[in-house]
């Protein structure tokens, strides 16, 4: 039998303590997500409504199929910065007329939907996900263009938006722009470069230069409508493909476009009627310790994530700090690599490499569940070849062509992040649990290394070592690394695609697997499985 048997004691003090700590972290996450939904705040939201306009999330709700899920991405982008959390743009994967799409929607209640450096990164990541996974794109456009005080960080990289939109079109991936308000300067090229453009009467304003700029440049004094209104672009310039009477009509037209694109997924379909896990996903909260140094068995997570809690473990007696095996999630076959006790030894690296090759042989997507402190160090392990064995694993991850999905469950430190398909290794989608940490190493270890280096430097120069200054410096470094490895700090910089409630892991992975199957799912060929 390959069905997992849970050993979790839900009546224990440890379970209750872990669950309490996770609920506290989730409450902090919910507090930040409320700020994201609030956008520019009550005052600007009401002013937007007074102009007869819908908030971006209401536009989204009308666009998506009724009662269909929406996988929001990078919700906490710009957290902890001078910019509004959420970065003035909403991105995510949803279903429009039966077609899974990437939706990118400006939030005009935040500085008129102006694009800052974080909203640029968020938009580019959304377009990259659309391109790699072959997702049609729907843009909900209302933006004043670039946030001018930060233009030095925007102008050059922002050109990539146009590049991505035109490349999507060249790949036969449909792009739609529904323009509800301002689409100015560089933003005017969004409807110009999308395959389809819908403009709302008396609301959409699409021009390279607004009336003040035109007057300064040419002496003309045109009004908004004659310069860039929906009727002008529908009747005269031809930029508009569909003339909408109001926002509801524009969304109806957008859905109509998606209903006629004759879209087909290229990946194999999921198995029908997948079995639910035999254990309650709610119990995942009691598995995870708030202390990342306390390990947990990832099989307990898998028992509450994979179909029927059925997990066919590969090499269970070898390289036991890494759990590998075969399962399915929402009917999609997957290979799983999950860290157990954190450290990756040579055995784990070789086991992972071979497993990744096998997954590529059978065109099976890979799920990486990170909880690693990195590859083992020390004379014994260096002499045993940990560098070359770790390099094999990283080589296999790099050259694997089946889709990778990654979740940082608790910690992702050092080169273990690379070997477990971290952001630099192009997982199709990557998420983190709210208590997860990511850094070059743990805060205490990094501060300790700096202290040892400082002590050695003083000794080599024959000068006394300042113990008091060292204690102060160590405390400051620990505090800095602790803050910079925090899940909110990491996701704010788009080093992952969002923070997810651990209880939603199965749902998020299922939606992600459905997404990656929009494109071809194929492993690398040209080599056989080699023993290591």
Protein backbone atom coordinates (compact mmCIF):
# COMPACT_ATOMS: atom_id res chain seq x y z
CA UNK A 1 0.00 0.00 0.00
CA UNK A 2 1.24 3.50 -0.86
CA UNK A 3 -1.39 5.39 1.14
CA UNK A 4 0.28 7.50 3.80
CA UNK A 5 -0.59 6.82 7.44
CA UNK A 6 -0.49 9.96 9.54
CA UNK A 7 1.31 9.86 12.89
CA UNK A 8 0.12 13.34 13.87
CA UNK A 9 -1.32 13.61 17.38
CA UNK A 10 -3.91 16.36 17.13
CA UNK A 11 -4.50 16.22 20.89
CA UNK A 12 -0.90 17.01 21.83
CA UNK A 13 0.37 20.25 23.34
CA UNK A 14 2.86 20.59 20.48
CA UNK A 15 0.07 20.44 17.91
CA UNK A 16 -1.97 23.05 19.79
CA UNK A 17 1.05 25.34 20.22
CA UNK A 18 2.02 25.07 16.55
CA UNK A 19 -1.53 25.74 15.42
CA UNK A 20 -1.83 28.80 17.68
CA UNK A 21 1.42 30.26 16.32
CA UNK A 22 0.36 29.69 12.70
CA UNK A 23 -3.03 31.31 13.27
CA UNK A 24 -1.27 34.37 14.68
CA UNK A 25 0.92 34.62 11.56
CA UNK A 26 -2.13 34.17 9.33
CA UNK A 27 -3.89 36.98 11.21
CA UNK A 28 -0.93 39.24 10.37
CA UNK A 29 -1.23 38.19 6.73
CA UNK A 30 -4.97 38.90 6.70
CA UNK A 31 -4.31 42.37 8.12
CA UNK A 32 -1.99 43.16 5.22
CA UNK A 33 -4.37 41.70 2.64
CA UNK A 34 -7.10 43.98 3.96
CA UNK A 35 -4.84 46.93 3.15
CA UNK A 36 -4.34 45.55 -0.37
CA UNK A 37 -8.08 45.30 -0.94
CA UNK A 38 -8.57 48.83 0.45
CA UNK A 39 -6.35 50.23 -2.31
CA UNK A 40 -5.94 53.98 -1.96
CA UNK A 41 -8.27 54.08 1.02
CA UNK A 42 -11.89 55.01 1.65
CA UNK A 43 -11.58 58.59 0.41
CA UNK A 44 -10.14 57.69 -2.99
CA UNK A 45 -12.38 54.66 -3.35
CA UNK A 46 -15.45 56.83 -2.84
CA UNK A 47 -14.18 59.48 -5.27
CA UNK A 48 -13.68 56.73 -7.83
CA UNK A 49 -17.26 55.51 -7.33
CA UNK A 50 -18.60 59.07 -7.50
CA UNK A 51 -17.18 59.23 -11.01
CA UNK A 52 -19.36 56.28 -11.95
CA UNK A 53 -16.52 53.79 -11.95
CA UNK A 54 -16.11 50.33 -10.46
CA UNK A 55 -13.14 49.37 -8.25
CA UNK A 56 -10.69 47.00 -9.90
CA UNK A 57 -11.79 44.00 -7.81
CA UNK A 58 -15.41 44.50 -8.82
CA UNK A 59 -14.32 44.67 -12.46
CA UNK A 60 -12.47 41.42 -11.89
CA UNK A 61 -15.50 39.75 -10.31
CA UNK A 62 -17.67 40.66 -13.30
CA UNK A 63 -15.01 39.44 -15.73
CA UNK A 64 -14.51 36.00 -14.21
CA UNK A 65 -16.91 33.10 -14.58
CA UNK A 66 -19.38 32.97 -11.70
CA UNK A 67 -18.12 31.06 -8.65
CA UNK A 68 -14.79 30.26 -10.34
CA UNK A 69 -11.53 30.49 -8.33
CA UNK A 70 -8.96 33.24 -8.71
CA UNK A 71 -5.29 32.68 -7.86
CA UNK A 72 -4.02 36.12 -6.91
CA UNK A 73 -0.30 36.68 -7.39
CA UNK A 74 2.19 38.89 -5.53
CA UNK A 75 -0.53 40.39 -3.36
CA UNK A 76 2.00 41.91 -0.92
CA UNK A 77 4.26 43.45 -3.55
CA UNK A 78 5.87 46.64 -2.21
CA UNK A 79 5.12 45.70 1.43
CA UNK A 80 7.38 47.63 3.79
CA UNK A 81 8.32 50.23 1.16
CA UNK A 82 7.21 53.81 0.54
CA UNK A 83 4.59 52.50 -1.91
CA UNK A 84 1.13 51.17 -1.10
CA UNK A 85 1.13 47.45 -0.34
CA UNK A 86 -0.07 45.64 -3.44
CA UNK A 87 1.83 48.04 -5.72
CA UNK A 88 -1.29 49.58 -7.34
CA UNK A 89 -1.90 46.62 -9.64
CA UNK A 90 -3.87 43.39 -9.28
CA UNK A 91 -2.57 40.26 -11.02
CA UNK A 92 -3.69 36.66 -10.99
CA UNK A 93 -5.01 33.62 -12.83
CA UNK A 94 -8.74 33.19 -13.34
CA UNK A 95 -11.28 31.64 -15.71
CA UNK A 96 -13.06 33.77 -18.32
CA UNK A 97 -15.66 31.98 -20.45
CA UNK A 98 -14.00 28.67 -19.65
CA UNK A 99 -10.50 29.90 -20.54
CA UNK A 100 -7.77 30.19 -17.90
CA UNK A 101 -6.31 33.69 -18.26
CA UNK A 102 -3.79 35.98 -16.70
CA UNK A 103 -5.59 39.10 -15.52
CA UNK A 104 -3.69 42.36 -14.94
CA UNK A 105 -5.76 45.19 -13.48
CA UNK A 106 -4.65 48.68 -12.51
CA UNK A 107 -6.00 50.07 -9.24
CA UNK A 108 -6.79 53.71 -10.05
CA UNK A 109 -7.53 54.54 -6.40
CA UNK A 110 -3.76 54.39 -5.74
CA UNK A 111 -2.13 57.46 -7.31
CA UNK A 112 -4.39 57.14 -10.35
CA UNK A 113 -3.07 53.64 -11.04
CA UNK A 114 0.39 55.04 -11.74
CA UNK A 115 3.15 52.47 -12.19
CA UNK A 116 5.96 52.40 -9.63
CA UNK A 117 9.02 50.12 -9.64
CA UNK A 118 7.17 47.38 -7.76
CA UNK A 119 4.07 47.47 -9.95
CA UNK A 120 6.42 47.21 -12.94
CA UNK A 121 8.07 44.09 -11.51
CA UNK A 122 4.66 42.65 -10.68
CA UNK A 123 3.32 43.31 -14.19
CA UNK A 124 6.41 41.86 -15.87
CA UNK A 125 6.24 38.73 -13.72
CA UNK A 126 2.56 38.29 -14.63
CA UNK A 127 3.39 38.59 -18.33
CA UNK A 128 6.27 36.13 -17.95
CA UNK A 129 3.95 33.59 -16.29
CA UNK A 130 1.47 34.09 -19.13
CA UNK A 131 4.14 33.54 -21.79
CA UNK A 132 5.77 30.48 -20.22
CA UNK A 133 2.48 28.80 -19.38
CA UNK A 134 0.63 29.93 -22.52
CA UNK A 135 -2.14 31.92 -20.82
CA UNK A 136 -4.24 34.52 -22.66
CA UNK A 137 -3.97 37.94 -21.00
CA UNK A 138 -6.77 40.34 -20.10
CA UNK A 139 -5.63 43.86 -19.12
CA UNK A 140 -8.07 45.98 -17.09
CA UNK A 141 -6.58 49.35 -17.95
CA UNK A 142 -6.84 52.62 -16.03
CA UNK A 143 -3.49 54.18 -15.29
CA UNK A 144 -1.94 57.61 -15.37
CA UNK A 145 1.29 56.06 -16.61
CA UNK A 146 4.60 56.15 -14.81
CA UNK A 147 5.02 57.40 -11.26
CA UNK A 148 7.13 60.36 -12.36
CA UNK A 149 9.25 60.81 -9.21
CA UNK A 150 10.59 57.28 -9.77
CA UNK A 151 10.90 57.50 -13.56
CA UNK A 152 14.64 56.80 -13.43
CA UNK A 153 13.83 53.30 -12.16
CA UNK A 154 10.99 52.81 -14.63
CA UNK A 155 11.64 54.19 -18.08
CA UNK A 156 14.20 51.70 -19.37
CA UNK A 157 12.83 48.43 -17.87
CA UNK A 158 9.19 49.41 -18.56
CA UNK A 159 9.80 48.93 -22.26
CA UNK A 160 9.77 45.21 -21.49
CA UNK A 161 5.97 45.39 -21.08
CA UNK A 162 5.61 46.21 -24.78
CA UNK A 163 8.11 43.48 -25.63
CA UNK A 164 6.14 40.88 -23.66
CA UNK A 165 2.78 41.90 -25.14
CA UNK A 166 4.04 41.71 -28.71
CA UNK A 167 5.86 38.44 -28.04
CA UNK A 168 2.68 36.92 -26.63
CA UNK A 169 0.89 37.88 -29.83
CA UNK A 170 3.67 36.37 -31.95
CA UNK A 171 3.28 33.12 -30.01
CA UNK A 172 -0.43 33.02 -30.78
CA UNK A 173 -1.40 33.82 -27.19
CA UNK A 174 -4.34 36.28 -27.26
CA UNK A 175 -4.10 39.59 -25.43
CA UNK A 176 -7.06 41.85 -24.61
CA UNK A 177 -7.14 45.42 -23.26
CA UNK A 178 -10.33 46.73 -21.67
CA UNK A 179 -9.78 50.46 -21.15
CA UNK A 180 -11.90 52.06 -18.42
CA UNK A 181 -10.09 55.38 -17.98
CA UNK A 182 -6.72 56.99 -18.59
CA UNK A 183 -4.21 55.07 -20.68
CA UNK A 184 -1.60 57.72 -21.14
CA UNK A 185 1.86 58.08 -22.70
CA UNK A 186 3.60 54.68 -22.61
CA UNK A 187 0.40 53.21 -21.23
CA UNK A 188 -1.36 54.05 -24.48
CA UNK A 189 0.65 51.31 -26.14
CA UNK A 190 -1.06 48.64 -24.00
CA UNK A 191 -4.31 48.78 -26.03
CA UNK A 192 -2.18 49.54 -29.08
CA UNK A 193 -0.17 46.34 -28.70
CA UNK A 194 -2.90 44.00 -27.52
CA UNK A 195 -4.71 41.87 -30.09
CA UNK A 196 -8.08 43.26 -29.00
CA UNK A 197 -9.00 46.64 -27.52
CA UNK A 198 -12.28 47.62 -25.85
CA UNK A 199 -12.79 51.29 -24.92
CA UNK A 200 -15.50 52.73 -22.65
CA UNK A 201 -17.45 55.72 -23.98
CA UNK A 202 -16.72 59.08 -22.28
CA UNK A 203 -14.36 57.34 -19.82
CA UNK A 204 -11.45 55.86 -21.78
CA UNK A 205 -8.71 58.36 -22.61
CA UNK A 206 -5.94 56.89 -24.77
CA UNK A 207 -3.27 59.29 -26.00
CA UNK A 208 0.50 59.60 -26.11
CA UNK A 209 0.28 63.15 -24.82
CA UNK A 210 -2.61 64.76 -22.95
CA UNK A 211 -4.03 68.20 -23.76
CA UNK A 212 -1.46 70.14 -21.66
CA UNK A 213 1.46 68.38 -23.34
CA UNK A 214 -0.04 68.83 -26.80
CA UNK A 215 -0.51 72.55 -26.17
CA UNK A 216 3.08 72.90 -25.02
CA UNK A 217 4.44 70.87 -27.96
CA UNK A 218 2.27 72.08 -30.85
CA UNK A 219 0.12 74.95 -29.68
CA UNK A 220 -3.07 72.96 -30.30
CA UNK A 221 -5.82 72.99 -27.68
CA UNK A 222 -7.81 69.76 -28.19
CA UNK A 223 -10.19 68.34 -25.60
CA UNK A 224 -9.85 64.84 -24.11
CA UNK A 225 -12.50 63.29 -26.32
CA UNK A 226 -11.19 64.51 -29.66
CA UNK A 227 -7.65 63.68 -28.62
CA UNK A 228 -8.15 60.19 -27.22
CA UNK A 229 -11.78 59.35 -26.47
CA UNK A 230 -13.42 56.00 -27.14
CA UNK A 231 -15.66 57.31 -29.93
CA UNK A 232 -12.77 58.96 -31.76
CA UNK A 233 -10.65 55.80 -31.56
CA UNK A 234 -13.63 53.68 -32.65
CA UNK A 235 -14.66 55.89 -35.59
CA UNK A 236 -11.49 57.71 -36.68
CA UNK A 237 -8.15 56.20 -35.57
CA UNK A 238 -9.25 52.55 -35.52
CA UNK A 239 -7.32 51.84 -32.32
CA UNK A 240 -10.52 50.64 -30.66
CA UNK A 241 -11.99 47.33 -31.83
CA UNK A 242 -15.06 47.47 -29.60
CA UNK A 243 -16.98 50.54 -28.41
CA UNK A 244 -18.51 50.02 -24.97
CA UNK A 245 -21.32 52.15 -23.61
CA UNK A 246 -20.26 51.67 -19.98
CA UNK A 247 -18.04 49.49 -17.78
CA UNK A 248 -20.49 46.60 -17.60
CA UNK A 249 -20.77 46.61 -21.38
CA UNK A 250 -16.97 46.67 -21.72
CA UNK A 251 -16.60 43.62 -19.49
CA UNK A 252 -19.36 41.87 -21.45
CA UNK A 253 -17.42 42.56 -24.64
CA UNK A 254 -14.20 41.32 -23.07
CA UNK A 255 -15.89 38.06 -22.11
CA UNK A 256 -17.37 37.83 -25.60
CA UNK A 257 -13.88 38.07 -27.11
CA UNK A 258 -12.58 35.30 -24.86
CA UNK A 259 -15.54 33.07 -25.73
CA UNK A 260 -14.53 33.13 -29.42
CA UNK A 261 -10.76 32.58 -29.35
CA UNK A 262 -11.16 28.81 -29.86
CA UNK A 263 -8.64 28.06 -27.11
CA UNK A 264 -7.30 24.60 -26.36
CA UNK A 265 -4.85 23.45 -23.72
CA UNK A 266 -1.79 21.61 -25.00
CA UNK A 267 -1.06 19.55 -21.88
CA UNK A 268 -2.85 16.31 -20.99
CA UNK A 269 -6.09 16.66 -19.01
CA UNK A 270 -6.38 15.79 -15.33
CA UNK A 271 -7.91 12.50 -14.28
CA UNK A 272 -11.63 12.75 -13.61
CA UNK A 273 -12.99 12.73 -10.05
CA UNK A 274 -9.72 12.74 -8.05
CA UNK A 275 -10.01 11.44 -4.51
CA UNK A 276 -9.71 13.91 -1.65
CA UNK A 277 -6.88 13.48 0.88
CA UNK A 278 -7.77 11.13 3.73
CA UNK A 279 -6.68 13.68 6.31
CA UNK A 280 -7.95 17.19 6.94
CA UNK A 281 -5.80 20.02 5.42
CA UNK A 282 -6.81 22.10 8.45
CA UNK A 283 -4.40 19.97 10.46
CA UNK A 284 -1.39 21.29 8.53
CA UNK A 285 -1.33 24.28 10.89
CA UNK A 286 -0.48 21.96 13.79
CA UNK A 287 2.40 20.33 11.91
CA UNK A 288 4.59 23.41 11.40
CA UNK A 289 6.68 24.70 14.29
CA UNK A 290 7.07 28.50 14.60
CA UNK A 291 10.78 27.79 15.11
CA UNK A 292 12.30 27.04 11.66
CA UNK A 293 15.04 25.03 13.37
CA UNK A 294 12.48 22.42 14.47
CA UNK A 295 11.99 19.92 11.62
CA UNK A 296 8.73 18.24 10.65
CA UNK A 297 7.94 15.28 8.45
CA UNK A 298 6.74 16.50 5.02
CA UNK A 299 4.83 13.23 4.61
CA UNK A 300 2.32 14.66 7.09
CA UNK A 301 1.82 17.61 4.73
CA UNK A 302 1.57 15.33 1.71
CA UNK A 303 -1.02 13.17 3.47
CA UNK A 304 -3.21 16.28 3.57
CA UNK A 305 -2.35 17.49 0.05
CA UNK A 306 -2.14 14.70 -2.52
CA UNK A 307 -5.06 12.77 -3.99
CA UNK A 308 -6.24 10.00 -1.69
CA UNK A 309 -3.14 10.61 0.51
CA UNK A 310 -1.52 8.19 -1.93
CA UNK A 311 2.24 8.72 -2.18
CA UNK A 312 4.56 6.20 -3.83
CA UNK A 313 7.86 7.02 -2.16
CA UNK A 314 11.08 6.65 -4.19
CA UNK A 315 14.26 5.43 -2.45
CA UNK A 316 12.72 5.75 1.05
CA UNK A 317 15.77 4.22 2.79
CA UNK A 318 18.41 6.29 0.97
CA UNK A 319 19.10 9.99 1.46
CA UNK A 320 16.38 10.22 4.08
CA UNK A 321 16.68 13.98 4.60
CA UNK A 322 14.93 14.38 1.24
CA UNK A 323 11.57 12.72 0.60
CA UNK A 324 10.90 11.93 -3.07
CA UNK A 325 8.00 10.12 -4.69
CA UNK A 326 5.04 10.01 -7.06
CA UNK A 327 1.52 11.24 -6.43
CA UNK A 328 -1.28 13.18 -8.07
CA UNK A 329 -2.90 16.48 -7.11
CA UNK A 330 -6.38 17.26 -8.39
CA UNK A 331 -5.92 14.51 -10.94
CA UNK A 332 -2.55 15.71 -12.28
CA UNK A 333 0.41 13.31 -11.86
CA UNK A 334 3.39 14.88 -10.07
CA UNK A 335 6.79 14.02 -8.72
CA UNK A 336 7.48 15.48 -5.27
CA UNK A 337 10.77 16.52 -3.67
CA UNK A 338 10.31 17.56 -0.03
CA UNK A 339 12.99 18.40 2.52
CA UNK A 340 12.73 16.44 5.75
CA UNK A 341 15.45 17.33 8.26
CA UNK A 342 16.76 20.36 6.42
CA UNK A 343 20.33 19.49 5.46
CA UNK A 344 21.14 18.09 2.02
CA UNK A 345 23.96 15.52 2.04
CA UNK A 346 25.58 13.89 -0.98
CA UNK A 347 23.06 11.05 -0.83
CA UNK A 348 20.13 13.47 -1.01
CA UNK A 349 21.72 15.36 -3.89
CA UNK A 350 22.29 12.19 -5.92
CA UNK A 351 18.82 10.87 -5.10
CA UNK A 352 17.24 14.16 -6.21
CA UNK A 353 19.24 14.22 -9.45
CA UNK A 354 18.16 10.73 -10.43
CA UNK A 355 14.53 11.41 -9.49
CA UNK A 356 14.43 14.60 -11.59
CA UNK A 357 15.77 12.67 -14.58
CA UNK A 358 13.06 10.03 -14.13
CA UNK A 359 10.36 12.72 -14.02
CA UNK A 360 11.67 14.13 -17.28
CA UNK A 361 11.60 10.68 -18.87
CA UNK A 362 7.87 10.42 -18.11
CA UNK A 363 6.86 14.09 -18.71
CA UNK A 364 5.81 14.44 -15.06
CA UNK A 365 5.68 17.92 -13.44
CA UNK A 366 7.72 18.37 -10.26
CA UNK A 367 6.62 19.89 -6.95
CA UNK A 368 9.39 21.14 -4.66
CA UNK A 369 8.49 21.59 -0.98
CA UNK A 370 11.34 23.55 0.55
CA UNK A 371 12.49 23.33 4.15
CA UNK A 372 16.27 23.33 3.85
CA UNK A 373 19.28 24.84 5.55
CA UNK A 374 21.39 24.04 2.48
CA UNK A 375 24.10 21.53 1.59
CA UNK A 376 26.18 20.01 4.39
CA UNK A 377 29.54 21.59 5.20
CA UNK A 378 32.63 20.26 6.97
CA UNK A 379 35.87 18.49 6.09
CA UNK A 380 34.30 15.04 5.96
CA UNK A 381 31.64 16.16 3.51
CA UNK A 382 33.94 18.29 1.36
CA UNK A 383 36.24 15.29 1.01
CA UNK A 384 33.23 13.13 0.22
CA UNK A 385 32.35 15.30 -2.77
CA UNK A 386 29.43 17.43 -1.56
CA UNK A 387 30.25 20.16 -4.08
CA UNK A 388 30.18 17.86 -7.12
CA UNK A 389 27.08 16.06 -5.84
CA UNK A 390 25.27 19.33 -5.14
CA UNK A 391 26.31 20.48 -8.61
CA UNK A 392 24.67 17.37 -10.10
CA UNK A 393 21.41 18.23 -8.38
CA UNK A 394 21.53 21.85 -9.49
CA UNK A 395 22.44 20.70 -13.01
CA UNK A 396 19.41 18.40 -13.06
CA UNK A 397 17.11 21.18 -11.79
CA UNK A 398 18.49 23.65 -14.33
CA UNK A 399 18.11 21.37 -17.34
CA UNK A 400 14.79 19.80 -16.37
CA UNK A 401 12.07 20.94 -18.78
CA UNK A 402 8.97 19.60 -17.05
CA UNK A 403 7.07 22.30 -15.15
CA UNK A 404 8.36 23.02 -11.65
CA UNK A 405 6.14 24.31 -8.84
CA UNK A 406 7.84 25.40 -5.62
CA UNK A 407 6.57 26.15 -2.13
CA UNK A 408 8.81 27.38 0.69
CA UNK A 409 7.19 25.72 3.71
CA UNK A 410 9.52 26.86 6.48
CA UNK A 411 13.05 27.80 5.42
CA UNK A 412 15.10 28.06 2.26
CA UNK A 413 18.74 28.86 2.97
CA UNK A 414 21.94 28.83 0.95
CA UNK A 415 22.42 26.75 -2.17
CA UNK A 416 19.63 24.51 -0.93
CA UNK A 417 17.32 27.18 -2.33
CA UNK A 418 18.89 26.66 -5.74
CA UNK A 419 18.86 22.86 -5.61
CA UNK A 420 15.20 22.93 -4.57
CA UNK A 421 14.22 25.06 -7.59
CA UNK A 422 14.19 28.53 -6.06
CA UNK A 423 13.31 31.67 -8.00
CA UNK A 424 16.60 31.76 -9.93
CA UNK A 425 15.77 28.35 -11.43
CA UNK A 426 12.54 29.46 -13.09
CA UNK A 427 9.80 27.46 -11.40
CA UNK A 428 6.57 28.09 -13.30
CA UNK A 429 5.02 29.34 -10.06
CA UNK A 430 6.52 29.72 -6.59
CA UNK A 431 4.78 30.42 -3.29
CA UNK A 432 5.63 30.60 0.40
CA UNK A 433 3.84 29.85 3.64
CA UNK A 434 3.52 32.93 5.88
CA UNK A 435 6.09 31.80 8.46
CA UNK A 436 8.74 30.84 5.92
CA UNK A 437 12.27 32.27 5.89
CA UNK A 438 14.61 32.85 2.94
CA UNK A 439 18.22 34.02 3.13
CA UNK A 440 21.81 33.03 2.42
CA UNK A 441 21.78 31.42 5.88
CA UNK A 442 19.97 31.75 9.22
CA UNK A 443 20.29 35.04 11.11
CA UNK A 444 22.25 33.58 14.05
CA UNK A 445 24.60 31.66 11.76
CA UNK A 446 25.30 34.67 9.56
CA UNK A 447 25.95 36.94 12.55
CA UNK A 448 28.19 34.26 14.06
CA UNK A 449 30.22 33.95 10.87
CA UNK A 450 30.74 37.71 10.81
CA UNK A 451 31.88 37.63 14.43
CA UNK A 452 34.38 34.83 13.73
CA UNK A 453 35.75 36.70 10.73
CA UNK A 454 36.13 39.86 12.78
CA UNK A 455 37.88 37.99 15.58
CA UNK A 456 40.29 36.35 13.14
CA UNK A 457 41.05 39.68 11.49
CA UNK A 458 41.90 41.28 14.84
CA UNK A 459 44.16 38.37 15.73
CA UNK A 460 46.01 38.52 12.40
CA UNK A 461 46.68 42.20 12.91
CA UNK A 462 47.83 41.74 16.52
CA UNK A 463 45.17 44.07 17.94
CA UNK A 464 42.72 43.46 20.81
CA UNK A 465 39.22 42.30 19.91
CA UNK A 466 36.40 44.58 21.10
CA UNK A 467 33.94 42.15 22.70
CA UNK A 468 31.34 44.81 23.49
CA UNK A 469 31.33 46.15 19.92
CA UNK A 470 31.13 42.56 18.64
CA UNK A 471 28.04 41.84 20.75
CA UNK A 472 26.38 45.01 19.52
CA UNK A 473 27.30 44.30 15.89
CA UNK A 474 26.12 40.69 16.17
CA UNK A 475 22.74 41.74 17.56
CA UNK A 476 22.31 44.32 14.79
CA UNK A 477 23.20 41.80 12.06
CA UNK A 478 20.84 39.19 13.52
CA UNK A 479 18.00 41.73 13.58
CA UNK A 480 18.72 42.79 9.99
CA UNK A 481 18.81 39.24 8.61
CA UNK A 482 15.76 38.22 10.60
CA UNK A 483 13.83 41.13 9.05
CA UNK A 484 15.16 40.52 5.53
CA UNK A 485 14.37 36.79 5.62
CA UNK A 486 10.75 37.39 6.71
CA UNK A 487 8.16 36.04 4.28
CA UNK A 488 6.52 39.47 3.84
CA UNK A 489 9.87 41.11 3.03
CA UNK A 490 10.70 38.38 0.51
CA UNK A 491 7.34 38.41 -1.29
CA UNK A 492 7.32 42.22 -1.35
CA UNK A 493 10.31 42.03 -3.68
CA UNK A 494 8.66 39.38 -5.88
CA UNK A 495 11.12 36.63 -4.97
CA UNK A 496 8.04 34.42 -4.96
CA UNK A 497 4.56 34.71 -6.47
CA UNK A 498 2.71 35.17 -3.22
CA UNK A 499 2.07 33.92 0.30
CA UNK A 500 -0.51 31.18 0.71
CA UNK A 501 -2.36 29.80 3.70
CA UNK A 502 -0.85 26.32 4.33
CA UNK A 503 -4.40 24.93 4.45
CA UNK A 504 -4.85 26.06 0.82
CA UNK A 505 -1.72 24.28 -0.43
CA UNK A 506 -3.66 21.56 -2.27
CA UNK A 507 -5.93 24.12 -3.94
CA UNK A 508 -3.05 26.39 -4.96
CA UNK A 509 -1.06 23.49 -6.37
CA UNK A 510 -4.13 22.21 -8.22
CA UNK A 511 -4.76 25.60 -9.83
CA UNK A 512 -1.06 25.93 -10.64
CA UNK A 513 -1.00 22.48 -12.26
CA UNK A 514 -4.03 23.37 -14.33
CA UNK A 515 -2.21 26.54 -15.38
CA UNK A 516 1.00 24.81 -16.49
CA UNK A 517 -1.02 22.28 -18.51
CA UNK A 518 -2.18 25.12 -20.75
CA UNK A 519 1.18 24.61 -22.43
CA UNK A 520 2.95 21.46 -23.55
CA UNK A 521 4.24 19.31 -20.68
CA UNK A 522 7.40 17.57 -21.87
CA UNK A 523 10.62 16.45 -20.22
CA UNK A 524 14.13 16.76 -21.58
CA UNK A 525 15.19 14.00 -23.93
CA UNK A 526 18.62 13.01 -25.22
CA UNK A 527 20.03 11.24 -22.19
CA UNK A 528 19.20 8.14 -20.25
CA UNK A 529 18.82 7.90 -16.49
CA UNK A 530 22.32 7.58 -15.05
CA UNK A 531 23.24 6.12 -11.67
CA UNK A 532 25.02 8.31 -9.18
